[in-house]
Amino acid sequence: MQIVGLSFAGTATAAHQQMSAFLSEVFGLSPVRLDGNTAEFFRLADGSYFAVSEPGELGETHRSVGFEVDDLDAAIAELRARGIQTDDEPSGNSELRYAHFVAPDGRLYELIERRA
C-alpha cells in the first residue's frame, strides 16, 4: 500500500451551519458541491478537502481523516489481510472513492482514491 498524502478531514457537528459560516467568512473558503454527499465540502489550495456534516453522517465518529492511496482496492485488501476491519464496499462521490477502517487506536479513518 502506498500512502500518497492526507486528502480529507471532516467534522460531524450539531453546529454544522455555524462551522460552515466560519470556514467561509473567517477562512475565506468556498463550499464545493460533490455529488453523492450531503456534507458541505471546502476544497483547500493543495486539493485536499475539509467537510462539515451533521452528527452521524461520518459514521460513528465526530472527526475523520482520510489517507490518500494510489490503489484503493489493493489497500483495502491489504488491510483485510492484516485483520483490520473495513467497509464492505467502497463509497464515493463525483471526485473520490473511499472506504472506512478502524485503526488499532479504535478510531475510524478513511482510505481515499481520487477518481481520474
Protein backbone atom coordinates (compact mmCIF):
# COMPACT_ATOMS: atom_id res chain seq x y z
CA MET A 1 0.00 0.00 0.00
CA GLN A 2 1.31 3.43 -0.89
CA ILE A 3 0.01 6.40 1.09
CA VAL A 4 0.41 9.49 -1.10
CA GLY A 5 -0.90 12.11 1.33
CA LEU A 6 -3.67 13.31 3.58
CA SER A 7 -6.51 14.38 1.36
CA PHE A 8 -9.50 14.69 3.67
CA ALA A 9 -10.51 15.84 7.13
CA GLY A 10 -14.05 16.20 8.33
CA THR A 11 -16.13 17.09 11.32
CA ALA A 12 -19.64 16.00 12.27
CA THR A 13 -21.25 18.62 14.46
CA ALA A 14 -24.61 19.94 15.57
CA ALA A 15 -23.09 23.38 14.86
CA HIS A 16 -22.95 22.49 11.15
CA GLN A 17 -24.22 25.86 9.89
CA GLN A 18 -22.01 27.88 12.24
CA MET A 19 -18.93 25.84 11.29
CA SER A 20 -19.63 26.26 7.56
CA ALA A 21 -20.08 30.01 8.04
CA PHE A 22 -16.79 30.17 9.97
CA LEU A 23 -14.92 28.39 7.17
CA SER A 24 -16.44 30.74 4.58
CA GLU A 25 -16.30 34.03 6.45
CA VAL A 26 -13.14 33.68 8.54
CA PHE A 27 -11.01 31.30 6.46
CA GLY A 28 -12.30 32.57 3.11
CA LEU A 29 -13.06 29.07 1.82
CA SER A 30 -15.85 28.48 -0.70
CA PRO A 31 -18.05 25.39 -0.47
CA VAL A 32 -17.96 22.97 -3.41
CA ARG A 33 -20.69 20.50 -4.33
CA LEU A 34 -19.64 16.88 -4.61
CA ASP A 35 -22.39 14.66 -5.97
CA GLY A 36 -23.17 11.73 -3.72
CA ASN A 37 -22.65 13.57 -0.42
CA THR A 38 -24.81 15.61 1.91
CA ALA A 39 -21.85 17.12 3.77
CA GLU A 40 -20.61 20.56 2.83
CA PHE A 41 -17.13 20.31 1.29
CA PHE A 42 -14.47 23.01 1.17
CA ARG A 43 -11.53 22.48 -1.19
CA LEU A 44 -8.17 23.76 0.01
CA ALA A 45 -5.42 25.10 -2.24
CA ASP A 46 -3.49 21.79 -2.16
CA GLY A 47 -6.51 19.85 -3.48
CA SER A 48 -7.49 18.35 -0.12
CA TYR A 49 -10.97 18.70 1.36
CA PHE A 50 -12.47 19.66 4.69
CA ALA A 51 -16.06 18.52 5.17
CA VAL A 52 -18.71 19.68 7.61
CA SER A 53 -21.63 17.37 8.27
CA GLU A 54 -24.45 16.73 10.68
CA PRO A 55 -23.81 14.27 13.52
CA GLY A 56 -23.89 10.68 12.27
CA GLU A 57 -23.07 11.50 8.64
CA LEU A 58 -19.43 10.44 9.12
CA GLY A 59 -20.45 7.19 10.80
CA GLU A 60 -19.62 6.53 14.43
CA THR A 61 -17.21 9.45 14.79
CA HIS A 62 -17.10 13.21 15.18
CA ARG A 63 -13.85 13.59 13.24
CA SER A 64 -12.47 11.83 10.21
CA VAL A 65 -9.08 11.83 8.50
CA GLY A 66 -8.52 10.41 5.04
CA PHE A 67 -5.26 8.90 3.85
CA GLU A 68 -4.93 9.10 0.08
CA VAL A 69 -3.77 5.91 -1.62
CA ASP A 70 -2.84 5.13 -5.20
CA ASP A 71 -5.00 1.97 -5.37
CA LEU A 72 -7.99 1.80 -3.05
CA ASP A 73 -8.97 -1.80 -3.81
CA ALA A 74 -5.43 -3.07 -3.18
CA ALA A 75 -5.20 -1.04 0.04
CA ILE A 76 -8.50 -2.47 1.31
CA ALA A 77 -7.31 -5.99 0.50
CA GLU A 78 -4.07 -5.40 2.37
CA LEU A 79 -5.86 -4.11 5.47
CA ARG A 80 -8.27 -7.04 5.45
CA ALA A 81 -5.36 -9.48 5.06
CA ARG A 82 -3.93 -7.95 8.23
CA GLY A 83 -7.23 -8.45 10.07
CA ILE A 84 -8.25 -4.79 10.04
CA GLN A 85 -11.99 -4.10 9.75
CA THR A 86 -13.05 -2.07 6.69
CA ASP A 87 -16.30 -1.11 4.98
CA ASP A 88 -17.83 -3.95 3.00
CA GLU A 89 -17.70 -1.90 -0.21
CA PRO A 90 -16.06 1.44 -1.07
CA SER A 91 -18.28 4.51 -1.25
CA GLY A 92 -17.74 7.54 -3.39
CA ASN A 93 -18.76 10.85 -4.80
CA SER A 94 -18.02 12.64 -8.06
CA GLU A 95 -14.31 13.09 -7.25
CA LEU A 96 -13.30 10.47 -4.67
CA ARG A 97 -13.70 6.79 -3.82
CA TYR A 98 -13.22 5.90 -0.17
CA ALA A 99 -13.52 3.22 2.46
CA HIS A 100 -13.54 3.50 6.24
CA PHE A 101 -11.42 1.36 8.52
CA VAL A 102 -10.91 1.03 12.25
CA ALA A 103 -7.25 1.50 13.24
CA PRO A 104 -5.60 -0.08 16.29
CA ASP A 105 -6.47 3.04 18.33
CA GLY A 106 -10.15 2.10 17.88
CA ARG A 107 -10.86 5.20 15.80
CA LEU A 108 -12.45 5.40 12.36
CA TYR A 109 -10.25 6.59 9.46
CA GLU A 110 -10.57 6.56 5.68
CA LEU A 111 -8.59 5.41 2.68
CA ILE A 112 -9.23 7.67 -0.31
CA GLU A 113 -8.54 7.33 -4.03
CA ARG A 114 -9.06 10.23 -6.43
CA ARG A 115 -11.15 9.44 -9.50
CA ALA A 116 -9.28 10.02 -12.75
